[in-house]
Every structure is written in C-alpha cells, then in structure tokens.
Amino acid sequence: MRNALSDEEYAAQADKGEPEKGRWSQQEQLLAAVFDRLGAVHHVLVCANTDSKSKRPKAPEPMRRPGSRGVQPKQKISDEQADTIFRLINGGAA
C-alpha cells in the first residue's frame, strides 16, 4: 500500500503522523534515545566548526514519543503587543 502512494501523498501522510499515540517497545524507546543523542552530537559538531560570526543552526527536535506532545512553536507577538510591553517596562503602567 505504501509503495502505491505518490510522493505528494506520502509526504501528506507523513505530516499527519502521530507516533505519540502508538505504543513503543523498550527497543524502540532506546532507538529514539540514540537518534536524539546522535542529533545532539551532530549539532555540537556543526556548531564547533562554524565560524563564530556565522549564524548557528537550531538544535534538533527530539523524536516524538508515545504519551508526549511535539515541540510547540513559539507564539509571535504583534507590533502592538510589543509596544505595550515596551511601555509597561519603561514605566508606562500608571
């Protein structure tokens, strides 16, 4: 069934995947831990060999596990919210 999917259909199915809802064996948990550690080592290696003035890459996201939520994206604030915060910090609360 998987081989019959087009690349677009396969990518769409991959985006909808929710591995945190399934059960994992101890072997799968250990493999995910190895995956995360290898990603961390790769990240450190790249950062150590990146010019200090260059932009450093983001740290890799850990593999999602059963019972856990994925990494939630940070909410961006609007310009109006930023101005309000700026005024509050600089004594404009009164």
Protein backbone atom coordinates (compact mmCIF):
# COMPACT_ATOMS: atom_id res chain seq x y z
CA MET A 1 0.00 0.00 0.00
CA ARG A 2 2.81 2.39 0.90
CA ASN A 3 4.59 1.76 -2.40
CA ALA A 4 1.44 2.71 -4.31
CA LEU A 5 1.41 6.27 -2.88
CA SER A 6 2.77 9.17 -4.88
CA ASP A 7 5.47 11.35 -3.33
CA GLU A 8 2.89 14.05 -2.53
CA GLU A 9 0.51 11.57 -0.87
CA TYR A 10 3.37 10.04 1.11
CA ALA A 11 4.51 13.49 2.32
CA ALA A 12 0.92 14.37 3.33
CA GLN A 13 0.61 11.12 5.30
CA ALA A 14 3.96 11.76 6.98
CA ASP A 15 2.80 15.22 8.07
CA LYS A 16 -0.32 13.72 9.68
CA GLY A 17 1.60 11.03 11.56
CA GLU A 18 1.17 10.95 15.34
CA PRO A 19 3.67 8.47 16.79
CA GLU A 20 2.92 9.67 20.31
CA LYS A 21 -0.46 7.91 20.13
CA GLY A 22 1.00 4.46 19.49
CA ARG A 23 2.77 2.01 21.78
CA TRP A 24 6.53 1.66 21.66
CA SER A 25 8.61 -1.22 22.91
CA GLN A 26 11.71 -0.70 25.03
CA GLN A 27 13.79 -1.30 21.92
CA GLU A 28 12.01 1.50 20.07
CA GLN A 29 12.44 3.83 23.05
CA LEU A 30 16.17 3.09 23.15
CA LEU A 31 16.47 3.63 19.41
CA ALA A 32 14.72 7.00 19.74
CA ALA A 33 17.16 7.94 22.54
CA VAL A 34 20.10 7.02 20.28
CA PHE A 35 18.55 9.07 17.48
CA ASP A 36 18.25 12.10 19.80
CA ARG A 37 21.81 11.76 21.10
CA LEU A 38 23.22 11.39 17.60
CA GLY A 39 21.36 14.53 16.56
CA ALA A 40 22.79 16.37 19.58
CA VAL A 41 26.35 15.23 18.76
CA HIS A 42 25.91 16.32 15.15
CA HIS A 43 24.59 19.70 16.29
CA VAL A 44 27.57 20.24 18.61
CA LEU A 45 29.98 19.20 15.86
CA VAL A 46 28.46 21.64 13.39
CA CYS A 47 28.41 24.46 15.96
CA ALA A 48 32.03 23.80 16.93
CA ASN A 49 33.11 24.01 13.29
CA THR A 50 31.01 27.04 12.37
CA ASP A 51 32.66 30.44 12.14
CA SER A 52 31.90 32.48 15.26
CA LYS A 53 30.32 35.25 13.18
CA SER A 54 28.06 32.88 11.27
CA LYS A 55 24.53 32.03 12.27
CA ARG A 56 24.43 28.76 14.19
CA PRO A 57 21.86 26.10 13.28
CA LYS A 58 18.91 25.32 15.51
CA ALA A 59 19.20 22.39 17.87
CA PRO A 60 17.43 19.31 16.50
CA GLU A 61 13.99 18.44 17.81
CA PRO A 62 13.77 15.21 19.79
CA MET A 63 11.87 12.33 18.25
CA ARG A 64 8.26 12.33 19.40
CA ARG A 65 7.43 9.53 21.80
CA PRO A 66 4.16 7.92 22.88
CA GLY A 67 2.38 9.99 25.50
CA SER A 68 4.27 13.19 24.77
CA ARG A 69 3.33 16.20 22.73
CA GLY A 70 5.53 17.52 19.98
CA VAL A 71 7.51 20.69 20.38
CA GLN A 72 5.07 23.59 20.33
CA PRO A 73 6.02 26.56 18.15
CA LYS A 74 6.64 29.80 19.99
CA GLN A 75 3.92 32.37 19.57
CA LYS A 76 4.97 35.58 17.88
CA ILE A 77 3.75 38.86 19.29
CA SER A 78 2.32 41.64 17.17
CA ASP A 79 3.86 45.10 16.92
CA GLU A 80 1.02 46.44 19.10
CA GLN A 81 1.72 43.87 21.82
CA ALA A 82 5.44 44.64 21.63
CA ASP A 83 4.74 48.38 22.04
CA THR A 84 2.50 47.68 25.05
CA ILE A 85 5.19 45.57 26.69
CA PHE A 86 7.81 48.23 25.95
CA ARG A 87 5.63 50.93 27.57
CA LEU A 88 5.00 48.75 30.63
CA ILE A 89 8.69 48.01 31.08
CA ASN A 90 9.58 51.69 30.77
CA GLY A 91 7.17 52.92 33.41
CA GLY A 92 4.02 53.43 31.36
CA ALA A 93 1.80 51.28 33.58
CA ALA A 94 0.44 54.19 35.59
